[in-house]
Amino acid sequence: MLKKFSTLPFAGTADQEAKLKAFIEANKHDKSRLMAVMQEAQGIYGYLPIEVQNMIAEGMDIPLEKVYGVSTFYAQFSLSPKGEYNISVCLGTACYVKGSGDIYNKLQDILGIGGDECTPDRRFSLEACRCIGACGLAPVLTVNEEVYGRLGVDDVQGIIEKYRA
């Protein structure tokens, strides 16, 4: 799945920037620490927007293209912020054949966002995932750590309303 940058404006703070720059400073002389710096950056910001990737590239004297390449290659890195409620819909085989694709599409309609995006108020984010090991409950979605199974498209609105309340 192709990763894309968030359309939401970057909202980093001076404190976050100071933490990241201190970590970069401590690691900039060892290019093999790029992944560690990127993991720390994602821990600080919650994702890796282009502004953060630029800080990493400049601070470590590594081409931005390499930082971007690593961030898009590894599934652990996100280019979009996660919402207060991160919704993940399983599109693994068992879930997909039981209708999780339709559930995913319904969530996009209700939330007004696409996959790997976050609502403008940063309350909800939506992503697709592969098997989460709950095939007996297919189709399945999670909201943060809460699992919802044996779903139909008609169940989606109620789940969202629970978190909007």
N, C-alpha and C. Protein backbone atom coordinates (compact mmCIF):
# COMPACT_ATOMS: atom_id res chain seq x y z
N MET A 1 0.85 -1.17 0.00
CA MET A 1 0.00 0.00 0.00
C MET A 1 0.90 1.24 0.00
N LEU A 2 0.62 2.16 -0.86
CA LEU A 2 1.41 3.37 -0.99
C LEU A 2 1.14 4.31 0.17
N LYS A 3 2.21 4.77 0.83
CA LYS A 3 2.06 5.74 1.92
C LYS A 3 2.00 7.13 1.33
N LYS A 4 1.21 7.98 1.98
CA LYS A 4 1.13 9.36 1.51
C LYS A 4 1.21 10.30 2.71
N PHE A 5 1.71 11.49 2.44
CA PHE A 5 1.82 12.49 3.49
C PHE A 5 0.45 13.01 3.86
N SER A 6 0.31 13.42 5.09
CA SER A 6 -0.93 13.99 5.59
C SER A 6 -1.23 15.32 4.92
N THR A 7 -2.51 15.61 4.77
CA THR A 7 -2.92 16.91 4.26
C THR A 7 -3.14 17.91 5.40
N LEU A 8 -3.06 17.42 6.65
CA LEU A 8 -3.21 18.31 7.80
C LEU A 8 -1.94 19.13 7.99
N PRO A 9 -2.05 20.38 8.42
CA PRO A 9 -0.86 21.19 8.64
C PRO A 9 -0.01 20.63 9.79
N PHE A 10 1.29 20.73 9.63
CA PHE A 10 2.23 20.28 10.66
C PHE A 10 2.04 21.16 11.90
N ALA A 11 1.98 20.52 13.07
CA ALA A 11 1.71 21.26 14.31
C ALA A 11 2.74 20.92 15.38
N GLY A 12 4.00 20.80 14.98
CA GLY A 12 5.04 20.50 15.96
C GLY A 12 5.31 21.67 16.88
N THR A 13 5.78 21.36 18.10
CA THR A 13 6.09 22.40 19.08
C THR A 13 7.59 22.61 19.18
N ALA A 14 7.98 23.71 19.80
CA ALA A 14 9.40 24.00 20.01
C ALA A 14 10.02 22.95 20.93
N ASP A 15 9.25 22.46 21.90
CA ASP A 15 9.75 21.43 22.81
C ASP A 15 10.03 20.13 22.05
N GLN A 16 9.11 19.74 21.17
CA GLN A 16 9.32 18.54 20.36
C GLN A 16 10.57 18.69 19.50
N GLU A 17 10.70 19.84 18.86
CA GLU A 17 11.87 20.08 18.01
C GLU A 17 13.16 20.01 18.81
N ALA A 18 13.17 20.58 19.99
CA ALA A 18 14.37 20.55 20.84
C ALA A 18 14.74 19.12 21.22
N LYS A 19 13.74 18.31 21.56
CA LYS A 19 14.00 16.90 21.91
C LYS A 19 14.59 16.15 20.73
N LEU A 20 14.00 16.35 19.55
CA LEU A 20 14.50 15.65 18.37
C LEU A 20 15.91 16.11 18.02
N LYS A 21 16.14 17.40 18.04
CA LYS A 21 17.48 17.91 17.69
C LYS A 21 18.54 17.43 18.67
N ALA A 22 18.20 17.31 19.94
CA ALA A 22 19.16 16.78 20.92
C ALA A 22 19.48 15.32 20.62
N PHE A 23 18.47 14.54 20.24
CA PHE A 23 18.69 13.14 19.92
C PHE A 23 19.52 13.00 18.64
N ILE A 24 19.21 13.84 17.66
CA ILE A 24 19.99 13.83 16.41
C ILE A 24 21.44 14.18 16.72
N GLU A 25 21.66 15.21 17.51
CA GLU A 25 23.02 15.63 17.87
C GLU A 25 23.81 14.50 18.49
N ALA A 26 23.17 13.72 19.34
CA ALA A 26 23.85 12.61 20.02
C ALA A 26 24.14 11.45 19.07
N ASN A 27 23.49 11.41 17.92
CA ASN A 27 23.62 10.26 17.02
C ASN A 27 24.12 10.61 15.62
N LYS A 28 24.36 11.87 15.34
CA LYS A 28 24.63 12.29 13.97
C LYS A 28 25.96 11.79 13.40
N HIS A 29 26.85 11.36 14.24
CA HIS A 29 28.16 10.93 13.75
C HIS A 29 28.17 9.45 13.34
N ASP A 30 27.04 8.78 13.50
CA ASP A 30 26.94 7.37 13.15
C ASP A 30 25.71 7.19 12.26
N LYS A 31 25.94 7.15 10.95
CA LYS A 31 24.84 7.07 9.98
C LYS A 31 23.99 5.81 10.17
N SER A 32 24.57 4.77 10.78
CA SER A 32 23.81 3.54 11.01
C SER A 32 22.71 3.75 12.05
N ARG A 33 22.69 4.89 12.71
CA ARG A 33 21.67 5.19 13.73
C ARG A 33 20.43 5.86 13.13
N LEU A 34 20.37 5.93 11.80
CA LEU A 34 19.23 6.58 11.15
C LEU A 34 17.90 6.00 11.63
N MET A 35 17.76 4.68 11.64
CA MET A 35 16.49 4.07 12.07
C MET A 35 16.17 4.45 13.51
N ALA A 36 17.16 4.44 14.37
CA ALA A 36 16.93 4.81 15.78
C ALA A 36 16.46 6.26 15.88
N VAL A 37 17.04 7.14 15.10
CA VAL A 37 16.64 8.55 15.10
C VAL A 37 15.21 8.68 14.58
N MET A 38 14.89 7.94 13.54
CA MET A 38 13.54 8.00 12.98
C MET A 38 12.51 7.44 13.98
N GLN A 39 12.86 6.38 14.68
CA GLN A 39 11.96 5.82 15.69
C GLN A 39 11.74 6.83 16.82
N GLU A 40 12.81 7.48 17.24
CA GLU A 40 12.69 8.50 18.29
C GLU A 40 11.80 9.65 17.81
N ALA A 41 12.01 10.07 16.56
CA ALA A 41 11.21 11.16 15.99
C ALA A 41 9.73 10.78 15.96
N GLN A 42 9.44 9.57 15.56
CA GLN A 42 8.05 9.15 15.52
C GLN A 42 7.48 9.07 16.94
N GLY A 43 8.30 8.68 17.90
CA GLY A 43 7.86 8.68 19.28
C GLY A 43 7.54 10.08 19.78
N ILE A 44 8.29 11.05 19.34
CA ILE A 44 8.10 12.44 19.76
C ILE A 44 6.87 13.06 19.09
N TYR A 45 6.76 12.87 17.78
CA TYR A 45 5.69 13.53 17.01
C TYR A 45 4.48 12.64 16.75
N GLY A 46 4.66 11.33 16.84
CA GLY A 46 3.57 10.40 16.54
C GLY A 46 3.52 9.97 15.08
N TYR A 47 4.29 10.64 14.25
CA TYR A 47 4.39 10.32 12.82
C TYR A 47 5.59 11.05 12.25
N LEU A 48 5.87 10.85 10.95
CA LEU A 48 7.05 11.46 10.32
C LEU A 48 6.65 12.35 9.15
N PRO A 49 6.14 13.54 9.43
CA PRO A 49 5.82 14.46 8.33
C PRO A 49 7.11 14.92 7.65
N ILE A 50 6.97 15.51 6.49
CA ILE A 50 8.14 15.94 5.71
C ILE A 50 9.00 16.92 6.50
N GLU A 51 8.39 17.75 7.33
CA GLU A 51 9.17 18.70 8.13
C GLU A 51 10.12 17.98 9.08
N VAL A 52 9.66 16.89 9.66
CA VAL A 52 10.49 16.10 10.58
C VAL A 52 11.55 15.33 9.79
N GLN A 53 11.17 14.81 8.64
CA GLN A 53 12.15 14.11 7.81
C GLN A 53 13.27 15.07 7.37
N ASN A 54 12.91 16.30 7.08
CA ASN A 54 13.92 17.31 6.73
C ASN A 54 14.87 17.57 7.90
N MET A 55 14.33 17.67 9.11
CA MET A 55 15.19 17.88 10.29
C MET A 55 16.18 16.72 10.45
N ILE A 56 15.69 15.52 10.26
CA ILE A 56 16.55 14.34 10.38
C ILE A 56 17.62 14.35 9.30
N ALA A 57 17.21 14.58 8.07
CA ALA A 57 18.16 14.58 6.95
C ALA A 57 19.24 15.64 7.15
N GLU A 58 18.84 16.84 7.48
CA GLU A 58 19.81 17.92 7.67
C GLU A 58 20.70 17.66 8.88
N GLY A 59 20.10 17.23 9.97
CA GLY A 59 20.86 17.02 11.19
C GLY A 59 21.86 15.88 11.10
N MET A 60 21.52 14.85 10.35
CA MET A 60 22.41 13.69 10.23
C MET A 60 23.25 13.75 8.96
N ASP A 61 23.05 14.79 8.15
CA ASP A 61 23.76 14.94 6.88
C ASP A 61 23.55 13.71 5.99
N ILE A 62 22.28 13.37 5.86
CA ILE A 62 21.86 12.24 5.03
C ILE A 62 20.86 12.81 4.02
N PRO A 63 20.92 12.38 2.77
CA PRO A 63 19.96 12.90 1.79
C PRO A 63 18.50 12.64 2.22
N LEU A 64 17.66 13.62 2.01
CA LEU A 64 16.25 13.49 2.33
C LEU A 64 15.65 12.27 1.64
N GLU A 65 16.11 11.97 0.44
CA GLU A 65 15.58 10.83 -0.30
C GLU A 65 15.80 9.52 0.47
N LYS A 66 16.91 9.42 1.18
CA LYS A 66 17.17 8.20 1.96
C LYS A 66 16.23 8.13 3.16
N VAL A 67 16.05 9.23 3.84
CA VAL A 67 15.13 9.26 4.99
C VAL A 67 13.72 8.91 4.52
N TYR A 68 13.29 9.51 3.43
CA TYR A 68 11.97 9.22 2.87
C TYR A 68 11.87 7.75 2.47
N GLY A 69 12.90 7.23 1.85
CA GLY A 69 12.91 5.83 1.43
C GLY A 69 12.74 4.88 2.60
N VAL A 70 13.42 5.15 3.70
CA VAL A 70 13.30 4.31 4.89
C VAL A 70 11.89 4.45 5.49
N SER A 71 11.39 5.69 5.52
CA SER A 71 10.07 5.91 6.13
C SER A 71 8.94 5.26 5.34
N THR A 72 9.12 5.12 4.05
CA THR A 72 8.06 4.49 3.24
C THR A 72 8.26 2.99 3.09
N PHE A 73 9.46 2.50 3.34
CA PHE A 73 9.73 1.06 3.21
C PHE A 73 9.23 0.27 4.41
N TYR A 74 9.46 0.80 5.60
CA TYR A 74 9.12 0.08 6.83
C TYR A 74 7.72 0.43 7.32
N ALA A 75 6.92 -0.61 7.57
CA ALA A 75 5.53 -0.43 7.99
C ALA A 75 5.41 0.28 9.34
N GLN A 76 6.46 0.25 10.16
CA GLN A 76 6.39 0.86 11.49
C GLN A 76 6.30 2.39 11.43
N PHE A 77 6.69 2.97 10.30
CA PHE A 77 6.68 4.42 10.18
C PHE A 77 5.40 4.90 9.50
N SER A 78 4.88 6.01 10.00
CA SER A 78 3.66 6.60 9.45
C SER A 78 3.96 8.02 8.98
N LEU A 79 3.41 8.38 7.84
CA LEU A 79 3.56 9.74 7.31
C LEU A 79 2.36 10.62 7.68
N SER A 80 1.39 10.03 8.34
CA SER A 80 0.19 10.76 8.74
C SER A 80 -0.01 10.63 10.25
N PRO A 81 -0.56 11.66 10.87
CA PRO A 81 -0.81 11.58 12.32
C PRO A 81 -1.90 10.56 12.62
N LYS A 82 -1.86 10.03 13.80
CA LYS A 82 -2.93 9.15 14.28
C LYS A 82 -3.90 9.99 15.08
N GLY A 83 -5.17 9.69 14.93
CA GLY A 83 -6.18 10.40 15.67
C GLY A 83 -6.26 9.91 17.11
N GLU A 84 -7.02 10.63 17.90
CA GLU A 84 -7.28 10.19 19.27
C GLU A 84 -7.83 8.77 19.25
N TYR A 85 -8.65 8.49 18.23
CA TYR A 85 -9.20 7.15 18.02
C TYR A 85 -8.69 6.64 16.68
N ASN A 86 -7.76 5.69 16.72
CA ASN A 86 -7.21 5.11 15.50
C ASN A 86 -8.01 3.86 15.16
N ILE A 87 -8.67 3.90 14.02
CA ILE A 87 -9.49 2.78 13.56
C ILE A 87 -8.69 1.99 12.54
N SER A 88 -8.58 0.71 12.78
CA SER A 88 -7.85 -0.19 11.89
C SER A 88 -8.79 -1.30 11.45
N VAL A 89 -8.99 -1.42 10.16
CA VAL A 89 -9.88 -2.43 9.60
C VAL A 89 -9.04 -3.55 9.00
N CYS A 90 -9.31 -4.77 9.44
CA CYS A 90 -8.58 -5.92 8.91
C CYS A 90 -9.06 -6.21 7.49
N LEU A 91 -8.12 -6.24 6.55
CA LEU A 91 -8.44 -6.60 5.17
C LEU A 91 -7.76 -7.92 4.80
N GLY A 92 -7.43 -8.71 5.82
CA GLY A 92 -6.90 -10.05 5.58
C GLY A 92 -7.97 -10.91 4.92
N THR A 93 -7.59 -12.07 4.43
CA THR A 93 -8.48 -12.90 3.63
C THR A 93 -9.80 -13.21 4.32
N ALA A 94 -9.76 -13.74 5.55
CA ALA A 94 -11.00 -14.13 6.24
C ALA A 94 -11.94 -12.94 6.41
N CYS A 95 -11.39 -11.80 6.79
CA CYS A 95 -12.22 -10.60 6.99
C CYS A 95 -12.71 -10.06 5.65
N TYR A 96 -11.83 -10.06 4.67
CA TYR A 96 -12.19 -9.46 3.38
C TYR A 96 -13.34 -10.22 2.72
N VAL A 97 -13.28 -11.57 2.75
CA VAL A 97 -14.35 -12.34 2.11
C VAL A 97 -15.67 -12.20 2.85
N LYS A 98 -15.63 -11.74 4.09
CA LYS A 98 -16.86 -11.53 4.86
C LYS A 98 -17.29 -10.06 4.88
N GLY A 99 -16.66 -9.21 4.05
CA GLY A 99 -17.17 -7.86 3.86
C GLY A 99 -16.40 -6.72 4.48
N SER A 100 -15.16 -6.95 4.93
CA SER A 100 -14.42 -5.85 5.57
C SER A 100 -14.10 -4.72 4.60
N GLY A 101 -14.00 -5.02 3.30
CA GLY A 101 -13.77 -3.95 2.32
C GLY A 101 -14.92 -2.96 2.31
N ASP A 102 -16.15 -3.48 2.40
CA ASP A 102 -17.33 -2.60 2.45
C ASP A 102 -17.35 -1.78 3.74
N ILE A 103 -16.93 -2.40 4.84
CA ILE A 103 -16.86 -1.70 6.12
C ILE A 103 -15.83 -0.57 6.04
N TYR A 104 -14.68 -0.86 5.46
CA TYR A 104 -13.63 0.15 5.28
C TYR A 104 -14.15 1.32 4.44
N ASN A 105 -14.85 1.01 3.36
CA ASN A 105 -15.40 2.07 2.50
C ASN A 105 -16.45 2.89 3.24
N LYS A 106 -17.28 2.24 4.05
CA LYS A 106 -18.31 2.96 4.83
C LYS A 106 -17.65 3.90 5.83
N LEU A 107 -16.58 3.44 6.48
CA LEU A 107 -15.86 4.31 7.43
C LEU A 107 -15.29 5.53 6.72
N GLN A 108 -14.76 5.35 5.52
CA GLN A 108 -14.24 6.50 4.76
C GLN A 108 -15.36 7.50 4.48
N ASP A 109 -16.53 6.99 4.13
CA ASP A 109 -17.68 7.87 3.86
C ASP A 109 -18.11 8.62 5.11
N ILE A 110 -18.25 7.90 6.22
CA ILE A 110 -18.73 8.51 7.47
C ILE A 110 -17.75 9.55 7.99
N LEU A 111 -16.45 9.21 7.96
CA LEU A 111 -15.43 10.10 8.52
C LEU A 111 -14.98 11.19 7.55
N GLY A 112 -15.24 11.00 6.27
CA GLY A 112 -14.83 11.98 5.26
C GLY A 112 -13.33 11.99 5.02
N ILE A 113 -12.69 10.85 5.26
CA ILE A 113 -11.24 10.73 5.03
C ILE A 113 -10.97 9.44 4.28
N GLY A 114 -9.78 9.37 3.70
CA GLY A 114 -9.34 8.14 3.06
C GLY A 114 -8.50 7.32 4.02
N GLY A 115 -8.02 6.21 3.52
CA GLY A 115 -7.13 5.39 4.32
C GLY A 115 -5.84 6.12 4.63
N ASP A 116 -5.27 5.84 5.79
CA ASP A 116 -4.04 6.48 6.26
C ASP A 116 -4.19 7.99 6.37
N GLU A 117 -5.38 8.43 6.70
CA GLU A 117 -5.64 9.86 6.92
C GLU A 117 -6.24 10.06 8.30
N CYS A 118 -6.26 11.32 8.70
CA CYS A 118 -6.78 11.72 10.01
C CYS A 118 -7.80 12.83 9.78
N THR A 119 -8.88 12.81 10.56
CA THR A 119 -9.87 13.87 10.43
C THR A 119 -9.25 15.21 10.83
N PRO A 120 -9.74 16.31 10.28
CA PRO A 120 -9.16 17.63 10.60
C PRO A 120 -9.13 17.95 12.09
N ASP A 121 -10.08 17.42 12.86
CA ASP A 121 -10.08 17.67 14.31
C ASP A 121 -9.16 16.70 15.06
N ARG A 122 -8.53 15.81 14.31
CA ARG A 122 -7.58 14.82 14.84
C ARG A 122 -8.22 13.84 15.84
N ARG A 123 -9.52 13.68 15.73
CA ARG A 123 -10.20 12.71 16.61
C ARG A 123 -10.10 11.30 16.07
N PHE A 124 -10.22 11.14 14.73
CA PHE A 124 -10.23 9.81 14.13
C PHE A 124 -9.17 9.69 13.05
N SER A 125 -8.53 8.54 13.01
CA SER A 125 -7.68 8.18 11.87
C SER A 125 -8.12 6.80 11.42
N LEU A 126 -7.84 6.50 10.17
CA LEU A 126 -8.30 5.25 9.57
C LEU A 126 -7.16 4.60 8.81
N GLU A 127 -7.01 3.30 9.04
CA GLU A 127 -6.00 2.54 8.31
C GLU A 127 -6.51 1.13 8.06
N ALA A 128 -5.94 0.52 7.05
CA ALA A 128 -6.20 -0.89 6.77
C ALA A 128 -5.04 -1.69 7.33
N CYS A 129 -5.33 -2.90 7.77
CA CYS A 129 -4.25 -3.77 8.22
C CYS A 129 -4.50 -5.16 7.68
N ARG A 130 -3.52 -6.01 7.83
CA ARG A 130 -3.68 -7.41 7.47
C ARG A 130 -4.02 -8.18 8.73
N CYS A 131 -4.18 -9.45 8.64
CA CYS A 131 -4.70 -10.31 9.70
C CYS A 131 -4.22 -9.92 11.10
N ILE A 132 -5.20 -9.75 12.01
CA ILE A 132 -4.87 -9.45 13.41
C ILE A 132 -5.05 -10.67 14.29
N GLY A 133 -5.34 -11.82 13.66
CA GLY A 133 -5.46 -13.07 14.41
C GLY A 133 -6.81 -13.30 15.05
N ALA A 134 -7.83 -12.62 14.58
CA ALA A 134 -9.17 -12.79 15.12
C ALA A 134 -10.10 -13.28 14.02
N CYS A 135 -9.62 -14.22 13.22
CA CYS A 135 -10.36 -14.69 12.04
C CYS A 135 -11.72 -15.26 12.39
N GLY A 136 -11.86 -15.86 13.56
CA GLY A 136 -13.13 -16.40 13.99
C GLY A 136 -14.19 -15.34 14.23
N LEU A 137 -13.76 -14.09 14.35
CA LEU A 137 -14.67 -12.97 14.56
C LEU A 137 -14.89 -12.14 13.30
N ALA A 138 -14.38 -12.61 12.17
CA ALA A 138 -14.39 -11.85 10.92
C ALA A 138 -15.80 -11.41 10.54
N PRO A 139 -15.90 -10.19 9.97
CA PRO A 139 -14.87 -9.18 9.80
C PRO A 139 -14.63 -8.37 11.08
N VAL A 140 -13.40 -7.89 11.22
CA VAL A 140 -12.95 -7.27 12.46
C VAL A 140 -12.39 -5.88 12.19
N LEU A 141 -12.62 -4.99 13.16
CA LEU A 141 -11.91 -3.71 13.18
C LEU A 141 -11.53 -3.43 14.63
N THR A 142 -10.52 -2.59 14.79
CA THR A 142 -10.14 -2.15 16.13
C THR A 142 -10.23 -0.63 16.19
N VAL A 143 -10.58 -0.15 17.37
CA VAL A 143 -10.50 1.27 17.68
C VAL A 143 -9.54 1.33 18.86
N ASN A 144 -8.36 1.86 18.59
CA ASN A 144 -7.25 1.77 19.52
C ASN A 144 -7.06 0.30 19.89
N GLU A 145 -7.26 -0.10 21.11
CA GLU A 145 -7.06 -1.50 21.49
C GLU A 145 -8.35 -2.30 21.59
N GLU A 146 -9.49 -1.66 21.33
CA GLU A 146 -10.77 -2.35 21.45
C GLU A 146 -11.13 -3.05 20.14
N VAL A 147 -11.45 -4.33 20.23
CA VAL A 147 -11.74 -5.15 19.05
C VAL A 147 -13.26 -5.27 18.86
N TYR A 148 -13.71 -5.07 17.63
CA TYR A 148 -15.10 -5.25 17.24
C TYR A 148 -15.15 -6.32 16.16
N GLY A 149 -15.94 -7.36 16.39
CA GLY A 149 -16.00 -8.46 15.43
C GLY A 149 -17.41 -8.79 15.00
N ARG A 150 -17.46 -9.68 13.99
CA ARG A 150 -18.72 -10.12 13.38
C ARG A 150 -19.56 -8.92 12.96
N LEU A 151 -18.90 -8.01 12.26
CA LEU A 151 -19.52 -6.75 11.89
C LEU A 151 -20.21 -6.79 10.54
N GLY A 152 -21.16 -5.91 10.40
CA GLY A 152 -21.76 -5.63 9.12
C GLY A 152 -21.65 -4.13 8.88
N VAL A 153 -21.88 -3.72 7.66
CA VAL A 153 -21.80 -2.29 7.32
C VAL A 153 -22.72 -1.46 8.21
N ASP A 154 -23.86 -2.02 8.57
CA ASP A 154 -24.83 -1.28 9.40
C ASP A 154 -24.34 -1.04 10.83
N ASP A 155 -23.30 -1.74 11.27
CA ASP A 155 -22.77 -1.57 12.63
C ASP A 155 -21.81 -0.38 12.74
N VAL A 156 -21.30 0.07 11.63
CA VAL A 156 -20.22 1.06 11.62
C VAL A 156 -20.64 2.39 12.22
N GLN A 157 -21.80 2.90 11.85
CA GLN A 157 -22.26 4.21 12.33
C GLN A 157 -22.34 4.21 13.85
N GLY A 158 -22.86 3.14 14.44
CA GLY A 158 -22.99 3.06 15.90
C GLY A 158 -21.65 3.06 16.59
N ILE A 159 -20.67 2.40 16.00
CA ILE A 159 -19.32 2.38 16.60
C ILE A 159 -18.74 3.79 16.60
N ILE A 160 -18.88 4.48 15.49
CA ILE A 160 -18.34 5.86 15.41
C ILE A 160 -19.07 6.77 16.40
N GLU A 161 -20.38 6.64 16.50
CA GLU A 161 -21.14 7.48 17.42
C GLU A 161 -20.71 7.26 18.87
N LYS A 162 -20.35 6.05 19.21
CA LYS A 162 -19.86 5.76 20.58
C LYS A 162 -18.66 6.63 20.91
N TYR A 163 -17.77 6.83 19.95
CA TYR A 163 -16.55 7.60 20.20
C TYR A 163 -16.75 9.09 19.99
N ARG A 164 -17.77 9.47 19.28
CA ARG A 164 -18.07 10.89 19.10
C ARG A 164 -18.74 11.46 20.35
N ALA A 165 -19.42 10.60 21.12
CA ALA A 165 -20.17 11.05 22.31
C ALA A 165 -19.25 11.53 23.41
